[in-house]
């Protein structure tokens, strides 16, 4: 008979931020798979839980993942934890869930700690709709393409970021998004938890003089460039009006295509022809 795979959220800072159910599961399973065995051991020791640990992380997931699923299929119960927060969210736990579904083994995702919701709620920005974009690519060119693709998204945007890349990411966000309001959230649930608020220009200025530390979440307001749509005007005039109001040529083309229910290629051709006549 198949065992069960449990995805168990662990504290993102404060060790008290763990549910009684997670503690019970960790104490009852046969094996715990974790990113860093030393890190997880500190948590288990704090709660006097002694269990066999096995490493499962981004660099060994291809080989280790099938092994873990086979353990569950053979009847063992397995808990999966990340170093902090919800395993499976920007984390190789997501790959393990896919393997479990493909193999047909039982799995349960337990609710618990995550930086995502406290950051968006505490930011003070709109929580009606939000888009979680995870970690941006480490490559600057790829990061720029990722941000360009999000430039016209209206939900509040949420990113995880490493402290050593925060300033370069904020500068890039300023270039792509302009002076939107944003919040840099640091060290959630820890002693030095802070919410740095301002527009992107102000946040760049702040972190140019203060080196960031700790775990970071960036929350940025969504696109809200409201321009009345007049379908009687030409596509050329529509493009000029949007670009005059501050949009880049690329974003203006995307917006015109959206407003008029056209393909972006059609609007792009019109823009090229218009430029040739200038």
Protein backbone atom coordinates (compact mmCIF):
# COMPACT_ATOMS: atom_id res chain seq x y z
CA UNK A 1 0.00 0.00 0.00
CA UNK A 2 1.24 3.47 -0.89
CA UNK A 3 2.33 5.84 1.84
CA UNK A 4 1.71 9.59 1.85
CA UNK A 5 3.78 12.56 0.79
CA UNK A 6 3.34 15.65 2.99
CA UNK A 7 4.45 19.14 1.95
CA UNK A 8 5.07 20.96 5.23
CA UNK A 9 5.57 24.74 5.50
CA UNK A 10 8.25 25.79 7.98
CA UNK A 11 8.90 29.17 9.68
CA UNK A 12 10.25 32.01 7.52
CA UNK A 13 12.01 33.48 10.55
CA UNK A 14 10.22 33.22 13.86
CA UNK A 15 10.28 29.58 15.00
CA UNK A 16 6.84 30.01 16.59
CA UNK A 17 5.28 30.38 13.12
CA UNK A 18 4.64 26.68 12.63
CA UNK A 19 1.32 24.89 13.01
CA UNK A 20 0.58 22.13 15.48
CA UNK A 21 -0.40 19.93 12.56
CA UNK A 22 2.96 20.39 10.84
CA UNK A 23 4.76 19.51 14.08
CA UNK A 24 2.63 16.39 14.46
CA UNK A 25 3.30 15.27 10.88
CA UNK A 26 7.05 15.88 11.23
CA UNK A 27 7.09 13.77 14.38
CA UNK A 28 5.11 10.91 12.80
CA UNK A 29 6.55 10.47 9.28
CA UNK A 30 9.25 7.93 8.46
CA UNK A 31 11.56 10.34 6.62
CA UNK A 32 11.92 14.11 6.12
CA UNK A 33 13.31 15.47 2.84
CA UNK A 34 14.82 18.95 3.11
CA UNK A 35 16.94 21.49 1.24
CA UNK A 36 19.68 21.78 3.86
CA UNK A 37 19.82 19.04 6.49
CA UNK A 38 21.77 21.28 8.89
CA UNK A 39 19.16 24.02 8.69
CA UNK A 40 16.23 21.66 9.19
CA UNK A 41 18.02 19.92 12.05
CA UNK A 42 18.00 23.20 14.00
CA UNK A 43 14.22 23.39 13.67
CA UNK A 44 13.73 19.76 14.65
CA UNK A 45 16.05 20.08 17.64
CA UNK A 46 14.11 23.13 18.81
CA UNK A 47 10.94 21.03 18.92
CA UNK A 48 12.74 17.86 20.08
CA UNK A 49 11.88 15.88 16.96
CA UNK A 50 14.28 13.17 15.85
CA UNK A 51 13.86 11.85 12.32
CA UNK A 52 15.91 10.54 9.43
CA UNK A 53 16.78 13.41 7.06
CA UNK A 54 17.52 13.18 3.35
CA UNK A 55 18.56 16.06 1.11
CA UNK A 56 16.30 17.21 -1.71
CA UNK A 57 17.11 20.50 -3.45
CA UNK A 58 17.39 22.21 -6.82
CA UNK A 59 20.72 20.60 -7.69
CA UNK A 60 19.79 16.95 -6.99
CA UNK A 61 16.04 16.96 -7.68
CA UNK A 62 16.32 15.14 -11.02
CA UNK A 63 17.94 12.08 -9.46
CA UNK A 64 16.54 12.29 -5.94
CA UNK A 65 12.92 13.08 -6.82
CA UNK A 66 12.05 9.65 -8.32
CA UNK A 67 13.79 7.96 -5.38
CA UNK A 68 11.59 9.83 -2.92
CA UNK A 69 8.41 9.00 -4.82
CA UNK A 70 9.40 5.33 -4.90
CA UNK A 71 9.82 5.44 -1.12
CA UNK A 72 6.26 6.75 -0.79
CA UNK A 73 4.95 4.21 -3.31
CA UNK A 74 6.51 1.42 -1.23
CA UNK A 75 4.50 2.48 1.82
CA UNK A 76 6.68 5.03 3.66
CA UNK A 77 5.37 8.38 4.82
CA UNK A 78 7.55 11.31 3.71
CA UNK A 79 7.52 14.97 4.74
CA UNK A 80 9.08 17.57 2.44
CA UNK A 81 10.25 20.93 3.82
CA UNK A 82 12.15 23.88 2.37
CA UNK A 83 14.56 26.01 4.37
CA UNK A 84 11.73 28.45 4.99
CA UNK A 85 8.11 28.84 3.96
CA UNK A 86 5.94 26.75 1.66
CA UNK A 87 7.71 23.96 -0.24
CA UNK A 88 6.64 23.96 -3.87
CA UNK A 89 6.47 27.76 -4.18
CA UNK A 90 9.54 28.77 -6.22
CA UNK A 91 10.97 25.54 -4.88
CA UNK A 92 11.71 21.99 -6.18
CA UNK A 93 8.80 20.70 -4.10
CA UNK A 94 6.68 21.58 -7.13
CA UNK A 95 8.57 18.98 -9.19
CA UNK A 96 7.93 16.38 -6.51
CA UNK A 97 4.17 17.03 -6.65
CA UNK A 98 4.23 16.47 -10.42
CA UNK A 99 6.03 13.17 -9.92
CA UNK A 100 3.53 12.15 -7.24
CA UNK A 101 0.61 12.88 -9.57
CA UNK A 102 2.23 10.94 -12.41
CA UNK A 103 2.94 7.96 -10.12
CA UNK A 104 -0.48 8.10 -8.49
CA UNK A 105 0.81 8.31 -4.92
CA UNK A 106 -1.10 10.10 -2.17
CA UNK A 107 0.02 13.60 -1.17
CA UNK A 108 -1.17 16.40 1.13
CA UNK A 109 -0.16 20.07 1.18
CA UNK A 110 -0.39 21.50 4.68
CA UNK A 111 -1.18 25.22 5.19
CA UNK A 112 1.30 27.41 7.00
CA UNK A 113 4.05 29.99 6.85
CA UNK A 114 4.87 31.82 3.60
CA UNK A 115 6.35 35.25 2.87
CA UNK A 116 3.92 35.86 0.02
CA UNK A 117 0.70 36.76 1.86
CA UNK A 118 2.19 38.76 4.77
CA UNK A 119 4.15 40.84 2.22
CA UNK A 120 1.18 41.73 0.01
CA UNK A 121 -1.15 42.39 2.95
CA UNK A 122 1.42 44.43 4.88
CA UNK A 123 2.47 46.44 1.83
CA UNK A 124 -0.67 48.55 1.83
CA UNK A 125 -0.99 48.13 -1.94
CA UNK A 126 -4.05 46.59 -3.56
CA UNK A 127 -4.78 43.00 -2.53
CA UNK A 128 -7.83 42.63 -4.80
CA UNK A 129 -5.71 40.95 -7.46
CA UNK A 130 -2.02 40.16 -7.37
CA UNK A 131 0.47 38.36 -9.58
CA UNK A 132 3.25 36.35 -7.97
CA UNK A 133 6.30 36.33 -10.26
CA UNK A 134 8.69 34.45 -7.96
CA UNK A 135 12.42 35.01 -8.40
CA UNK A 136 13.47 36.95 -11.49
CA UNK A 137 16.22 35.44 -13.62
CA UNK A 138 19.80 36.12 -12.49
CA UNK A 139 20.73 37.17 -16.05
CA UNK A 140 20.09 40.91 -16.52
CA UNK A 141 18.83 40.59 -20.10
CA UNK A 142 16.40 37.82 -19.19
CA UNK A 143 15.22 39.84 -16.17
CA UNK A 144 14.51 42.78 -18.47
CA UNK A 145 12.44 40.56 -20.78
CA UNK A 146 10.51 39.18 -17.80
CA UNK A 147 9.72 42.67 -16.54
CA UNK A 148 8.77 43.91 -20.02
CA UNK A 149 6.24 41.07 -20.22
CA UNK A 150 4.71 42.26 -16.93
CA UNK A 151 4.67 45.98 -17.72
CA UNK A 152 0.95 46.12 -18.63
CA UNK A 153 -0.29 43.71 -15.96
CA UNK A 154 -2.86 45.45 -13.75
CA UNK A 155 -2.63 43.24 -10.62
CA UNK A 156 -0.15 44.11 -7.87
CA UNK A 157 3.19 42.44 -8.70
CA UNK A 158 5.17 40.39 -6.18
CA UNK A 159 8.78 39.22 -6.53
CA UNK A 160 11.23 37.41 -4.29
CA UNK A 161 14.79 38.77 -4.54
CA UNK A 162 18.24 38.16 -3.09
CA UNK A 163 19.75 41.14 -1.22
CA UNK A 164 22.82 41.37 -3.48
CA UNK A 165 20.55 41.81 -6.55
CA UNK A 166 17.97 44.12 -4.99
CA UNK A 167 19.43 47.43 -6.17
CA UNK A 168 19.98 46.31 -9.76
CA UNK A 169 16.45 44.87 -9.85
CA UNK A 170 14.94 48.08 -8.48
CA UNK A 171 16.82 50.12 -11.10
CA UNK A 172 15.53 47.84 -13.83
CA UNK A 173 11.99 48.05 -12.44
CA UNK A 174 12.28 51.85 -12.45
CA UNK A 175 13.29 51.75 -16.12
CA UNK A 176 10.44 49.44 -17.12
CA UNK A 177 7.64 50.55 -14.77
CA UNK A 178 8.52 54.21 -14.20
CA UNK A 179 7.74 55.85 -10.85
CA UNK A 180 5.16 53.34 -9.62
CA UNK A 181 4.57 52.94 -5.91
CA UNK A 182 6.34 49.95 -4.43
CA UNK A 183 7.33 48.35 -1.13
CA UNK A 184 10.50 46.46 -0.27
CA UNK A 185 9.74 44.02 2.55
CA UNK A 186 12.67 42.71 4.57
CA UNK A 187 13.05 40.03 7.24
CA UNK A 188 9.37 39.12 7.60
CA UNK A 189 8.51 37.74 11.06
CA UNK A 190 12.02 38.49 12.35
CA UNK A 191 13.30 41.08 14.82
CA UNK A 192 14.26 43.62 12.13
CA UNK A 193 11.18 43.25 9.92
CA UNK A 194 10.80 46.40 7.81
CA UNK A 195 8.54 47.76 5.07
CA UNK A 196 10.32 50.38 2.93
CA UNK A 197 7.65 52.32 1.02
CA UNK A 198 7.89 54.87 -1.79
CA UNK A 199 7.95 55.05 -5.56
CA UNK A 200 10.62 53.09 -7.41
CA UNK A 201 12.79 56.18 -7.82
CA UNK A 202 12.74 56.80 -4.07
CA UNK A 203 13.49 53.16 -3.27
CA UNK A 204 16.47 53.13 -5.64
CA UNK A 205 17.81 56.25 -3.90
CA UNK A 206 17.28 54.68 -0.46
CA UNK A 207 19.07 51.41 -1.21
CA UNK A 208 21.93 53.19 -2.97
CA UNK A 209 22.88 54.51 0.46
CA UNK A 210 21.78 51.54 2.57
CA UNK A 211 22.98 48.06 1.65
CA UNK A 212 20.05 45.64 1.95
CA UNK A 213 20.26 42.54 4.12
CA UNK A 214 18.10 39.52 4.79
CA UNK A 215 15.23 37.88 2.93
CA UNK A 216 13.44 40.29 0.59
CA UNK A 217 10.05 40.57 -1.10
CA UNK A 218 9.34 43.35 -3.62
CA UNK A 219 5.72 44.47 -4.06
CA UNK A 220 4.90 46.86 -6.94
CA UNK A 221 1.57 48.40 -7.87
CA UNK A 222 0.09 47.15 -11.13
CA UNK A 223 -0.33 49.02 -14.37
CA UNK A 224 -3.05 51.64 -14.07
CA UNK A 225 -2.45 53.93 -17.04
CA UNK A 226 -6.01 54.95 -17.83
CA UNK A 227 -6.52 56.55 -21.23
CA UNK A 228 -9.96 56.82 -22.79
CA UNK A 229 -10.26 54.60 -25.84
CA UNK A 230 -11.59 56.31 -28.96
CA UNK A 231 -11.94 53.74 -31.71
CA UNK A 232 -12.83 56.45 -34.23
CA UNK A 233 -9.28 57.83 -34.14
CA UNK A 234 -6.63 56.19 -36.33
CA UNK A 235 -4.23 53.60 -35.00
CA UNK A 236 -1.41 56.09 -35.64
CA UNK A 237 -3.09 58.76 -33.49
CA UNK A 238 -3.84 56.18 -30.80
CA UNK A 239 -0.14 55.18 -30.69
CA UNK A 240 1.05 58.81 -30.58
CA UNK A 241 -1.37 59.67 -27.77
CA UNK A 242 -0.20 56.76 -25.62
CA UNK A 243 3.48 57.43 -26.25
CA UNK A 244 3.01 61.15 -25.52
CA UNK A 245 1.43 60.20 -22.20
CA UNK A 246 4.55 58.29 -21.18
CA UNK A 247 4.34 54.75 -22.54
CA UNK A 248 7.24 53.24 -24.43
CA UNK A 249 6.69 52.37 -28.08
CA UNK A 250 6.60 48.66 -27.22
CA UNK A 251 4.03 49.13 -24.44
CA UNK A 252 1.96 51.51 -26.59
CA UNK A 253 1.76 48.86 -29.32
CA UNK A 254 0.64 46.24 -26.80
CA UNK A 255 -1.98 48.59 -25.34
CA UNK A 256 -3.39 49.61 -28.73
CA UNK A 257 -3.64 45.94 -29.74
CA UNK A 258 -5.48 45.21 -26.49
CA UNK A 259 -7.81 48.24 -26.78
CA UNK A 260 -8.73 47.44 -30.38
CA UNK A 261 -8.70 43.65 -30.14
CA UNK A 262 -5.98 43.43 -32.79
CA UNK A 263 -2.87 41.29 -33.09
CA UNK A 264 0.29 43.07 -31.94
CA UNK A 265 1.90 42.33 -35.33
CA UNK A 266 -0.82 44.35 -37.07
CA UNK A 267 -0.25 47.38 -34.86
CA UNK A 268 3.52 46.98 -35.18
CA UNK A 269 3.25 47.12 -39.00
CA UNK A 270 1.20 50.30 -38.78
CA UNK A 271 3.79 51.81 -36.44
CA UNK A 272 6.61 50.98 -38.89
CA UNK A 273 4.72 52.48 -41.83
CA UNK A 274 3.95 55.58 -39.77
CA UNK A 275 7.62 56.05 -38.83
CA UNK A 276 8.67 55.75 -42.48
CA UNK A 277 6.44 58.70 -43.40
CA UNK A 278 7.97 61.01 -40.78
